[in-house]
Amino acid sequence: MANILFLAHRIPYPPDKGDKIRSWHILRYLAKTHRVYLGCFVDDPDDMKHVSVLEDYCAEVQCLPLNRRAATIKSLSAILSSSSLSVRFYKSQAMKKWVRDLLAREQIDYIYVYSSTMAQFVLIENRGDIPVLMDFVDVDSQKWTQYSRSKMWPLSWLYAYEGRALLREELRIASLVDESLFVSDAEANLFKALAPEARHVDAMPNGVDFNDFSPDEWEAASLESGQHLVFVGAMDYWANREAVRWFAQTCWGELKKRWPKLSLYIVGSNPHADVLKLADTPGVYVTGRVDKVQPYLKAADVVIAPLRIARGIQNKVLEAMAMARPIVASPEAAEGIDVQNGQELLIADGAEAFIAAIEVCLKDSQKACDMAQKGREKAISSYSWDAQLARLSSLLATDKADAAMVHSELRGGGS
């Protein structure tokens, strides 16, 4: 059993957002065979009530509240030093002190850093020979660059700036850590191209709990009569907001005209004002936070994922696959998942293609059912969390007698 310092930019529980789903499953997996010390921030005050859940898994938990408005204002000062706004957003003397004190009083064998913004708390410390595993998840710098192309000035300038500044930080981190992990081969290969000098760059994809996301375990939510499209996601996340706005503006009117009894359910927490406004459109429903998304997925005739800005692997797509639902996804939403268009789901690029793909599912229920079943089979065969996280077992020694050898291997170079 090893002692692991686990740092995450957002409290891993409850696993109700994409980044929290991944961090929660990783933390729980590590806690099965190791002693975990968790340091994280809490940007939603309601999540503080879940700290006790994490304390059941961890040897020690440090959850620091984070005021997003104040942190956003603070982050703008990064421009004065040409540094990353994201890193400055999470700057915290309290977290820095907790990490320093922990390293001084505990024999930490490994450090697992979840998100590049948290590396600032370990790379500046004298960590000695403690291996650092850096889970970048996505190449976040490229996300900001993508955002800049769809924004008006001055946000276009600001996001482009952050893309450049964060990339410099990502390259610096990769040169110092012992292992750089990404959520997909595509993200890992992209980073290798950006940072050929980085050591041990590898992919560790997301998984899905196909026992929890099982169509046999859930009753369908009671929705309006007719046929239903469902979108699931955190609705304060800009990429999700942009996706549903685009779909409502370019696809929904035509679909509603052809299918008068069709309804669209936008399911997810903290819907932004521009998402709430979509509920004024006939046939569109915005649920806000729900206890579980599975009943809504079960009720869906088609699950849509029209994201135009996406990185890594979309949990919403894996979960819909596991629930055996017909899925129509954009190329961006399907990227990183081992599926074939027309087999496990339909991939549609642009409004006309999206409308046509949805109509295929609505008109031919047998074809939609067959495709959905293949999607669940793919989720079970390729995307269980245990299978994906087995990569960690090869990186972390469970026997301290083996630790020196593992440490040596991690520091041995290569990619």
Foldseek 3Di string as FASTA:
>chain_A
DAEEEEEDAEDLPPVAADLSVQSVLLLQVCLVQYAYAYEYEHADVVCVVCVVVVVVRHPYYHYHYAPQVVLQVQLVCVVVVLAASLLSSRDDPVLLVVLQVCLVPDPHQEYEYEALSPVVSPVVDCNDLRAYEYENQALVLVLLQVVLVVDDPPSVVVSPSNSVNVLVSVLVVQLPHLAYEYAFPVRQVVVCVVHVQGFHRYYQHAADDLVVLELVVDAADDDQPDAEEEEEHAQVDVQSVVQVVCCLVQADVVLCVVGVRYAYEYEHADHDPSRVVSCVPPRYYYDHHDPDCNNNLSRHLEYEAAGPRATRADVRQLSSLSNLHEYEYEPRNCPRQPDDDQAQYHYAHDRVRSNVRVVVSVVDVVSRNRSSPRSSVSSVVPGHRCVSSVVVPLQDDSDPVCSVVSSCVSPVGDD
